[in-house]
Every structure is written in structure tokens, then in C-alpha cells.
Amino acid sequence: MLLLAPLIFLGSSSALRAQEDFKGNRPPATALHTRSRRPNSGVTKADIAILRGVREEEAGNLDAAEKFYKQALALAPNSLDAHLGLGDVESARYDKAETDQARQSAHQRGLSYYKRAMELDPTSNDAVRGLALLLWKSPSGGDPVLNDKAITLGTPTYPAVAKSVRASGQVQVRVLIDETGRVIRAEAINGNSLLRAAAVRAASESVFPPIARGQQKMLIGLIIYNFVLP
């Protein structure tokens, strides 16, 4: 589902997720807790439910976290934080799933929550990063080759150990590129094991054109390196 054209989450965290702590648009749980102890602090029942959901999520109690986030959603149907929390829960469930069916279900639910969060706030970094990470976790197999799109394409150094055993061939590196054009995640998905680390390092040094300001977008694609012995 990605992306020669920039991935734009219309209607539609971890350097990529706000599950470990709140970033960007999600209020810090500690700040929310402090406000909740003051009279007339403006904290709602939905806020308290979200705080409880955060605590359960941090403790790894995903079912309990889901319950509190859904309570918040019932109280405030347009709550950005409730949708982000539910998206984070499904992303964590995807990681823990033991069957393809469970992973697929968590994937679809997570996408739905993150996309709704993007509808509620198109400027939410947490929503776009959460959605991008979930898509990253479940590659479609149709990622475009981005070599010719790079401003600077990293050049791998041929590993000496690979040369010594005459290892050669192609390595494909899957990359996630942020709105500034930086590669923020890279993973070799095939190729000789002696060549993969060099390819990943080179791909991580690549630079792409920035994406237009004012829109939350990310790119996922492939950088391909061919290691040829002299």
C-alpha cells in the first residue's frame, strides 16, 4: 500500500510509536494525573479513563487497557488519545499474536483506529507514526524501489570477510523514510548474510527529498544493492 508517491494518510508511538511515552499531541500521563488532583482542573472522566488505560498498557495488560480506552471513547467519541491508545493496543497485540489470523485482525483494527485519529487531527505525529509502524510490521510485498529517488544514495563498503569467501549478489533493504527525507528504519529482507549489515548501513545513510510541508507523510520502499566481486 506504499508508495512511490508519498504515503498520505487522509482520513485515515518507539521512535515510531507513542506507546512507551506520550509525544507530540498526546498529554503526558503524569501531567494528566497531576491535573486530575486539582479542583476545577478541567480533567474529564474520559481523561481519567485514558490515564488508566495508559497505566494498564504500560504494565502489559492489553485487555484492561482496551477496556479503559473504550470507556473514554464512549464518553468522548472524538477523543484523539482514546483512538491512539486503541491503535497502540492493537499494534502490541500484533507483536504478540501467535497465529496469522490473530495478526491480521489486530492489524486491521489498529489501522482503523490510527486512520480515525488522523481524521480527528491530521497534524498528529503519533497517529502517522503509529500507522506507519503498523504498516511496516506487515509488508505487502509491493514496496517500490527507491534507488533513483534518492538525493544521496549510501554506498556500501564490501565487507572483507565476504570478499574472502567470494560472497556476492543482491541485497534488498526495506526502508522507512520520514517527512524530512531521512531514513529512520532499515532492514535487509534478503541477500547473503555476510553482505546484509553493509547494505543496511549504506541504506541508513541515504537521503531523500523532503516531503511537502503541512502534510503528514512517510515513505516505505526498497533500496537495492548489488555486490559484485572484482
C-alpha atoms as a PDB file:
ATOM      1  CA  MET A   1       0.000   0.000   0.000  1.00  0.00           C
ATOM      2  CA  LEU A   2       3.007   2.249  -0.247  1.00  0.00           C
ATOM      3  CA  LEU A   3       4.365   4.354  -2.058  1.00  0.00           C
ATOM      4  CA  LEU A   4       6.224   5.906  -4.928  1.00  0.00           C
ATOM      5  CA  ALA A   5       4.012   8.851  -4.439  1.00  0.00           C
ATOM      6  CA  PRO A   6       4.393   9.917  -0.819  1.00  0.00           C
ATOM      7  CA  LEU A   7       2.186   7.979   1.557  1.00  0.00           C
ATOM      8  CA  ILE A   8      -0.527  10.383   2.634  1.00  0.00           C
ATOM      9  CA  PHE A   9      -2.805   9.316   5.439  1.00  0.00           C
ATOM     10  CA  LEU A  10      -6.024  11.081   4.590  1.00  0.00           C
ATOM     11  CA  GLY A  11      -8.887  10.017   6.741  1.00  0.00           C
ATOM     12  CA  SER A  12      -7.032   7.815   7.716  1.00  0.00           C
ATOM     13  CA  SER A  13       4.218   5.641  19.467  1.00  0.00           C
ATOM     14  CA  SER A  14       9.187   3.791  19.953  1.00  0.00           C
ATOM     15  CA  ALA A  15      10.901   6.341  17.681  1.00  0.00           C
ATOM     16  CA  LEU A  16       7.760   5.407  15.798  1.00  0.00           C
ATOM     17  CA  ARG A  17       5.168   4.859  18.466  1.00  0.00           C
ATOM     18  CA  ALA A  18       3.969   6.791  21.485  1.00  0.00           C
ATOM     19  CA  GLN A  19       3.272   3.625  23.394  1.00  0.00           C
ATOM     20  CA  GLU A  20       6.245   3.997  25.714  1.00  0.00           C
ATOM     21  CA  ASP A  21       5.596   7.659  26.406  1.00  0.00           C
ATOM     22  CA  PHE A  22       3.324  10.375  25.083  1.00  0.00           C
ATOM     23  CA  LYS A  23       4.841  12.528  22.375  1.00  0.00           C
ATOM     24  CA  GLY A  24       3.535  15.316  20.215  1.00  0.00           C
ATOM     25  CA  ASN A  25      -0.190  15.597  20.694  1.00  0.00           C
ATOM     26  CA  ARG A  26      -0.733  13.078  23.486  1.00  0.00           C
ATOM     27  CA  PRO A  27      -0.564  14.608  27.002  1.00  0.00           C
ATOM     28  CA  PRO A  28       1.977  13.085  29.382  1.00  0.00           C
ATOM     29  CA  ALA A  29       0.265  10.684  31.723  1.00  0.00           C
ATOM     30  CA  THR A  30       1.961  12.288  34.714  1.00  0.00           C
ATOM     31  CA  ALA A  31       0.695  15.728  33.748  1.00  0.00           C
ATOM     32  CA  LEU A  32      -2.809  14.369  33.319  1.00  0.00           C
ATOM     33  CA  HIS A  33      -2.568  12.713  36.743  1.00  0.00           C
ATOM     34  CA  THR A  34      -1.439  15.990  38.339  1.00  0.00           C
ATOM     35  CA  ARG A  35      -4.291  17.936  36.784  1.00  0.00           C
ATOM     36  CA  SER A  36      -6.796  15.332  37.952  1.00  0.00           C
ATOM     37  CA  ARG A  37      -5.889  16.002  41.592  1.00  0.00           C
ATOM     38  CA  ARG A  38      -6.685  19.716  41.404  1.00  0.00           C
ATOM     39  CA  PRO A  39     -10.220  21.126  41.776  1.00  0.00           C
ATOM     40  CA  ASN A  40     -11.650  22.549  38.566  1.00  0.00           C
ATOM     41  CA  SER A  41      -8.658  21.300  36.653  1.00  0.00           C
ATOM     42  CA  GLY A  42     -10.674  20.571  33.542  1.00  0.00           C
ATOM     43  CA  VAL A  43      -9.884  16.867  33.602  1.00  0.00           C
ATOM     44  CA  THR A  44     -12.834  14.843  32.394  1.00  0.00           C
ATOM     45  CA  LYS A  45     -13.933  11.298  33.109  1.00  0.00           C
ATOM     46  CA  ALA A  46     -12.655  10.426  29.651  1.00  0.00           C
ATOM     47  CA  ASP A  47      -9.215  11.794  30.606  1.00  0.00           C
ATOM     48  CA  ILE A  48      -9.161   9.625  33.708  1.00  0.00           C
ATOM     49  CA  ALA A  49     -10.144   6.566  31.689  1.00  0.00           C
ATOM     50  CA  ILE A  50      -7.305   7.297  29.253  1.00  0.00           C
ATOM     51  CA  LEU A  51      -4.841   7.637  32.123  1.00  0.00           C
ATOM     52  CA  ARG A  52      -5.940   4.269  33.473  1.00  0.00           C
ATOM     53  CA  GLY A  53      -5.623   2.799  30.015  1.00  0.00           C
ATOM     54  CA  VAL A  54      -2.071   4.131  29.736  1.00  0.00           C
ATOM     55  CA  ARG A  55      -1.128   2.554  33.056  1.00  0.00           C
ATOM     56  CA  GLU A  56      -2.552  -0.809  32.063  1.00  0.00           C
ATOM     57  CA  GLU A  57      -0.864  -0.622  28.668  1.00  0.00           C
ATOM     58  CA  GLU A  58       2.492   0.173  30.270  1.00  0.00           C
ATOM     59  CA  ALA A  59       2.003  -2.832  32.539  1.00  0.00           C
ATOM     60  CA  GLY A  60       1.331  -5.042  29.521  1.00  0.00           C
ATOM     61  CA  ASN A  61      -2.337  -5.587  30.393  1.00  0.00           C
ATOM     62  CA  LEU A  62      -3.723  -5.049  26.918  1.00  0.00           C
ATOM     63  CA  ASP A  63      -7.273  -6.239  27.595  1.00  0.00           C
ATOM     64  CA  ALA A  64      -7.609  -3.896  30.570  1.00  0.00           C
ATOM     65  CA  ALA A  65      -6.072  -1.024  28.602  1.00  0.00           C
ATOM     66  CA  GLU A  66      -8.550  -1.617  25.794  1.00  0.00           C
ATOM     67  CA  LYS A  67     -11.425  -1.540  28.283  1.00  0.00           C
ATOM     68  CA  PHE A  68     -10.416   1.864  29.653  1.00  0.00           C
ATOM     69  CA  TYR A  69      -9.710   3.361  26.227  1.00  0.00           C
ATOM     70  CA  LYS A  70     -13.138   2.215  25.067  1.00  0.00           C
ATOM     71  CA  GLN A  71     -14.689   3.747  28.179  1.00  0.00           C
ATOM     72  CA  ALA A  72     -13.031   7.018  27.212  1.00  0.00           C
ATOM     73  CA  LEU A  73     -14.334   6.639  23.672  1.00  0.00           C
ATOM     74  CA  ALA A  74     -17.871   6.108  24.935  1.00  0.00           C
ATOM     75  CA  LEU A  75     -17.575   9.320  26.955  1.00  0.00           C
ATOM     76  CA  ALA A  76     -15.790  11.288  24.240  1.00  0.00           C
ATOM     77  CA  PRO A  77     -16.304   9.707  20.785  1.00  0.00           C
ATOM     78  CA  ASN A  78     -13.882  12.149  19.148  1.00  0.00           C
ATOM     79  CA  SER A  79     -11.054  11.626  21.622  1.00  0.00           C
ATOM     80  CA  LEU A  80      -7.739  11.569  19.772  1.00  0.00           C
ATOM     81  CA  ASP A  81      -5.956   9.941  22.710  1.00  0.00           C
ATOM     82  CA  ALA A  82      -8.501   7.141  23.004  1.00  0.00           C
ATOM     83  CA  HIS A  83      -8.103   6.259  19.336  1.00  0.00           C
ATOM     84  CA  LEU A  84      -4.309   6.415  19.593  1.00  0.00           C
ATOM     85  CA  GLY A  85      -4.390   4.237  22.695  1.00  0.00           C
ATOM     86  CA  LEU A  86      -6.546   1.638  20.986  1.00  0.00           C
ATOM     87  CA  GLY A  87      -4.250   1.720  17.968  1.00  0.00           C
ATOM     88  CA  ASP A  88      -1.266   1.131  20.242  1.00  0.00           C
ATOM     89  CA  VAL A  89      -3.040  -1.784  21.923  1.00  0.00           C
ATOM     90  CA  GLU A  90      -3.690  -3.451  18.578  1.00  0.00           C
ATOM     91  CA  SER A  91      -0.107  -2.837  17.472  1.00  0.00           C
ATOM     92  CA  ALA A  92       1.105  -4.568  20.639  1.00  0.00           C
ATOM     93  CA  ARG A  93      -1.341  -7.409  20.030  1.00  0.00           C
ATOM     94  CA  TYR A  94       0.064  -7.791  16.536  1.00  0.00           C
ATOM     95  CA  ASP A  95       3.508  -8.308  18.072  1.00  0.00           C
ATOM     96  CA  LYS A  96       2.203 -10.940  20.492  1.00  0.00           C
ATOM     97  CA  ALA A  97      -0.115 -12.782  18.113  1.00  0.00           C
ATOM     98  CA  GLU A  98       0.628 -16.464  17.625  1.00  0.00           C
ATOM     99  CA  THR A  99      -1.472 -17.031  14.501  1.00  0.00           C
ATOM    100  CA  ASP A 100      -1.787 -15.294  11.149  1.00  0.00           C
ATOM    101  CA  GLN A 101      -5.497 -14.754  11.775  1.00  0.00           C
ATOM    102  CA  ALA A 102      -4.827 -13.003  15.085  1.00  0.00           C
ATOM    103  CA  ARG A 103      -2.159 -10.817  13.476  1.00  0.00           C
ATOM    104  CA  GLN A 104      -4.460  -9.911  10.607  1.00  0.00           C
ATOM    105  CA  SER A 105      -7.298  -9.000  12.972  1.00  0.00           C
ATOM    106  CA  ALA A 106      -5.045  -6.822  15.129  1.00  0.00           C
ATOM    107  CA  HIS A 107      -3.597  -5.218  12.007  1.00  0.00           C
ATOM    108  CA  GLN A 108      -6.992  -4.263  10.615  1.00  0.00           C
ATOM    109  CA  ARG A 109      -8.286  -2.921  13.925  1.00  0.00           C
ATOM    110  CA  GLY A 110      -5.105  -0.947  14.515  1.00  0.00           C
ATOM    111  CA  LEU A 111      -5.235   0.617  11.057  1.00  0.00           C
ATOM    112  CA  SER A 112      -8.827   1.640  11.665  1.00  0.00           C
ATOM    113  CA  TYR A 113      -8.013   3.377  14.959  1.00  0.00           C
ATOM    114  CA  TYR A 114      -4.952   5.192  13.614  1.00  0.00           C
ATOM    115  CA  LYS A 115      -6.798   6.309  10.487  1.00  0.00           C
ATOM    116  CA  ARG A 116      -9.602   7.713  12.626  1.00  0.00           C
ATOM    117  CA  ALA A 117      -7.004   9.532  14.732  1.00  0.00           C
ATOM    118  CA  MET A 118      -5.668  11.101  11.538  1.00  0.00           C
ATOM    119  CA  GLU A 119      -9.158  12.232  10.644  1.00  0.00           C
ATOM    120  CA  LEU A 120      -9.511  13.856  14.049  1.00  0.00           C
ATOM    121  CA  ASP A 121      -6.124  15.580  13.866  1.00  0.00           C
ATOM    122  CA  PRO A 122      -4.211  15.498  10.568  1.00  0.00           C
ATOM    123  CA  THR A 123      -1.207  17.074  12.344  1.00  0.00           C
ATOM    124  CA  SER A 124      -0.851  14.227  14.850  1.00  0.00           C
ATOM    125  CA  ASN A 125       2.663  12.825  14.624  1.00  0.00           C
ATOM    126  CA  ASP A 126       1.643   9.937  16.862  1.00  0.00           C
ATOM    127  CA  ALA A 127      -1.115   8.858  14.511  1.00  0.00           C
ATOM    128  CA  VAL A 128       1.004   8.909  11.375  1.00  0.00           C
ATOM    129  CA  ARG A 129       3.956   7.211  13.067  1.00  0.00           C
ATOM    130  CA  GLY A 130       1.765   4.580  14.680  1.00  0.00           C
ATOM    131  CA  LEU A 131       0.133   3.873  11.351  1.00  0.00           C
ATOM    132  CA  ALA A 132       3.460   3.781   9.541  1.00  0.00           C
ATOM    133  CA  LEU A 133       4.891   1.325  12.065  1.00  0.00           C
ATOM    134  CA  LEU A 134       1.897  -0.968  11.776  1.00  0.00           C
ATOM    135  CA  LEU A 135       2.241  -0.952   8.002  1.00  0.00           C
ATOM    136  CA  TRP A 136       5.975  -1.576   8.388  1.00  0.00           C
ATOM    137  CA  LYS A 137       5.293  -4.639  10.520  1.00  0.00           C
ATOM    138  CA  SER A 138       3.135  -6.207   7.826  1.00  0.00           C
ATOM    139  CA  PRO A 139       4.852  -5.727   4.436  1.00  0.00           C
ATOM    140  CA  SER A 140       2.584  -6.103   1.442  1.00  0.00           C
ATOM    141  CA  GLY A 141       5.316  -7.348  -0.885  1.00  0.00           C
ATOM    142  CA  GLY A 142       4.677  -4.487  -3.285  1.00  0.00           C
ATOM    143  CA  ASP A 143       7.139  -1.913  -1.974  1.00  0.00           C
ATOM    144  CA  PRO A 144       8.637   0.243  -4.762  1.00  0.00           C
ATOM    145  CA  VAL A 145      12.354   0.505  -5.493  1.00  0.00           C
ATOM    146  CA  LEU A 146      13.586   3.936  -4.389  1.00  0.00           C
ATOM    147  CA  ASN A 147      17.214   3.977  -5.560  1.00  0.00           C
ATOM    148  CA  ASP A 148      16.610   6.572  -8.262  1.00  0.00           C
ATOM    149  CA  LYS A 149      14.575   8.782  -5.902  1.00  0.00           C
ATOM    150  CA  ALA A 150      17.465   9.419  -3.516  1.00  0.00           C
ATOM    151  CA  ILE A 151      19.287  12.745  -3.341  1.00  0.00           C
ATOM    152  CA  THR A 152      22.189  10.854  -1.832  1.00  0.00           C
ATOM    153  CA  LEU A 153      22.294   7.090  -2.084  1.00  0.00           C
ATOM    154  CA  GLY A 154      24.517   5.473   0.523  1.00  0.00           C
ATOM    155  CA  THR A 155      27.334   3.377  -0.909  1.00  0.00           C
ATOM    156  CA  PRO A 156      28.128   0.130   0.903  1.00  0.00           C
ATOM    157  CA  THR A 157      31.646  -0.975   1.692  1.00  0.00           C
ATOM    158  CA  TYR A 158      32.291  -4.515   0.506  1.00  0.00           C
ATOM    159  CA  PRO A 159      32.940  -6.489   3.726  1.00  0.00           C
ATOM    160  CA  ALA A 160      36.393  -8.071   3.780  1.00  0.00           C
ATOM    161  CA  VAL A 161      35.024 -11.325   5.166  1.00  0.00           C
ATOM    162  CA  ALA A 162      32.535 -11.502   2.300  1.00  0.00           C
ATOM    163  CA  LYS A 163      35.320 -10.956  -0.209  1.00  0.00           C
ATOM    164  CA  SER A 164      37.425 -13.658   1.415  1.00  0.00           C
ATOM    165  CA  VAL A 165      34.751 -16.267   0.733  1.00  0.00           C
ATOM    166  CA  ARG A 166      33.716 -14.639  -2.567  1.00  0.00           C
ATOM    167  CA  ALA A 167      30.206 -13.828  -1.345  1.00  0.00           C
ATOM    168  CA  SER A 168      28.304 -11.676  -3.820  1.00  0.00           C
ATOM    169  CA  GLY A 169      24.824 -10.901  -5.071  1.00  0.00           C
ATOM    170  CA  GLN A 170      21.876  -8.640  -4.453  1.00  0.00           C
ATOM    171  CA  VAL A 171      20.645  -7.345  -1.089  1.00  0.00           C
ATOM    172  CA  GLN A 172      17.273  -5.654  -0.766  1.00  0.00           C
ATOM    173  CA  VAL A 173      16.864  -3.242   2.143  1.00  0.00           C
ATOM    174  CA  ARG A 174      13.406  -2.151   3.221  1.00  0.00           C
ATOM    175  CA  VAL A 175      13.422   1.450   4.452  1.00  0.00           C
ATOM    176  CA  LEU A 176      11.047   3.806   6.242  1.00  0.00           C
ATOM    177  CA  ILE A 177      11.599   7.457   5.314  1.00  0.00           C
ATOM    178  CA  ASP A 178      10.218  10.364   7.308  1.00  0.00           C
ATOM    179  CA  GLU A 179       8.890  13.696   6.081  1.00  0.00           C
ATOM    180  CA  THR A 180      12.378  15.268   6.125  1.00  0.00           C
ATOM    181  CA  GLY A 181      13.743  12.618   3.775  1.00  0.00           C
ATOM    182  CA  ARG A 182      15.744  10.781   6.447  1.00  0.00           C
ATOM    183  CA  VAL A 183      15.798   7.004   6.638  1.00  0.00           C
ATOM    184  CA  ILE A 184      14.557   6.222  10.145  1.00  0.00           C
ATOM    185  CA  ARG A 185      14.380   2.456   9.828  1.00  0.00           C
ATOM    186  CA  ALA A 186      16.162  -0.022   7.591  1.00  0.00           C
ATOM    187  CA  GLU A 187      16.085  -3.805   7.421  1.00  0.00           C
ATOM    188  CA  ALA A 188      17.642  -6.238   4.970  1.00  0.00           C
ATOM    189  CA  ILE A 189      14.954  -8.606   3.750  1.00  0.00           C
ATOM    190  CA  ASN A 190      17.101 -10.905   1.610  1.00  0.00           C
ATOM    191  CA  GLY A 191      20.612 -11.486   0.336  1.00  0.00           C
ATOM    192  CA  ASN A 192      23.780 -13.098   1.634  1.00  0.00           C
ATOM    193  CA  SER A 193      24.094 -12.765   5.408  1.00  0.00           C
ATOM    194  CA  LEU A 194      27.692 -11.530   5.072  1.00  0.00           C
ATOM    195  CA  LEU A 195      26.506  -8.586   2.969  1.00  0.00           C
ATOM    196  CA  ARG A 196      23.376  -7.522   4.792  1.00  0.00           C
ATOM    197  CA  ALA A 197      24.883  -5.343   7.527  1.00  0.00           C
ATOM    198  CA  ALA A 198      26.890  -3.303   4.994  1.00  0.00           C
ATOM    199  CA  ALA A 199      23.775  -2.790   2.873  1.00  0.00           C
ATOM    200  CA  VAL A 200      21.702  -1.675   5.867  1.00  0.00           C
ATOM    201  CA  ARG A 201      24.384   0.824   6.954  1.00  0.00           C
ATOM    202  CA  ALA A 202      24.534   2.288   3.462  1.00  0.00           C
ATOM    203  CA  ALA A 203      20.759   2.500   3.138  1.00  0.00           C
ATOM    204  CA  SER A 204      20.537   4.256   6.519  1.00  0.00           C
ATOM    205  CA  GLU A 205      22.891   6.961   5.219  1.00  0.00           C
ATOM    206  CA  SER A 206      20.726   7.663   2.169  1.00  0.00           C
ATOM    207  CA  VAL A 207      18.856  10.955   1.907  1.00  0.00           C
ATOM    208  CA  PHE A 208      15.623  11.587   0.007  1.00  0.00           C
ATOM    209  CA  PRO A 209      13.772  14.777  -0.956  1.00  0.00           C
ATOM    210  CA  PRO A 210      11.715  16.267   1.883  1.00  0.00           C
ATOM    211  CA  ILE A 211       8.002  15.769   1.649  1.00  0.00           C
ATOM    212  CA  ALA A 212       5.818  18.852   1.228  1.00  0.00           C
ATOM    213  CA  ARG A 213       5.296  20.766   4.441  1.00  0.00           C
ATOM    214  CA  GLY A 214       1.925  20.797   6.132  1.00  0.00           C
ATOM    215  CA  GLN A 215       1.100  17.168   5.415  1.00  0.00           C
ATOM    216  CA  GLN A 216       1.955  14.128   7.482  1.00  0.00           C
ATOM    217  CA  LYS A 217       3.501  11.549   5.176  1.00  0.00           C
ATOM    218  CA  MET A 218       6.017   8.768   5.204  1.00  0.00           C
ATOM    219  CA  LEU A 219       7.542   6.525   2.600  1.00  0.00           C
ATOM    220  CA  ILE A 220       8.210   2.811   2.681  1.00  0.00           C
ATOM    221  CA  GLY A 221      10.191   1.239  -0.111  1.00  0.00           C
ATOM    222  CA  LEU A 222      13.249  -0.738  -1.133  1.00  0.00           C
ATOM    223  CA  ILE A 223      16.869   0.188  -1.715  1.00  0.00           C
ATOM    224  CA  ILE A 224      18.663  -2.478  -3.718  1.00  0.00           C
ATOM    225  CA  TYR A 225      22.411  -3.064  -3.680  1.00  0.00           C
ATOM    226  CA  ASN A 226      24.340  -5.398  -5.950  1.00  0.00           C
ATOM    227  CA  PHE A 227      27.625  -6.653  -4.567  1.00  0.00           C
ATOM    228  CA  VAL A 228      29.894  -7.681  -7.450  1.00  0.00           C
ATOM    229  CA  LEU A 229      33.323  -9.176  -6.915  1.00  0.00           C
ATOM    230  CA  PRO A 230      36.146  -7.569  -8.939  1.00  0.00           C
END
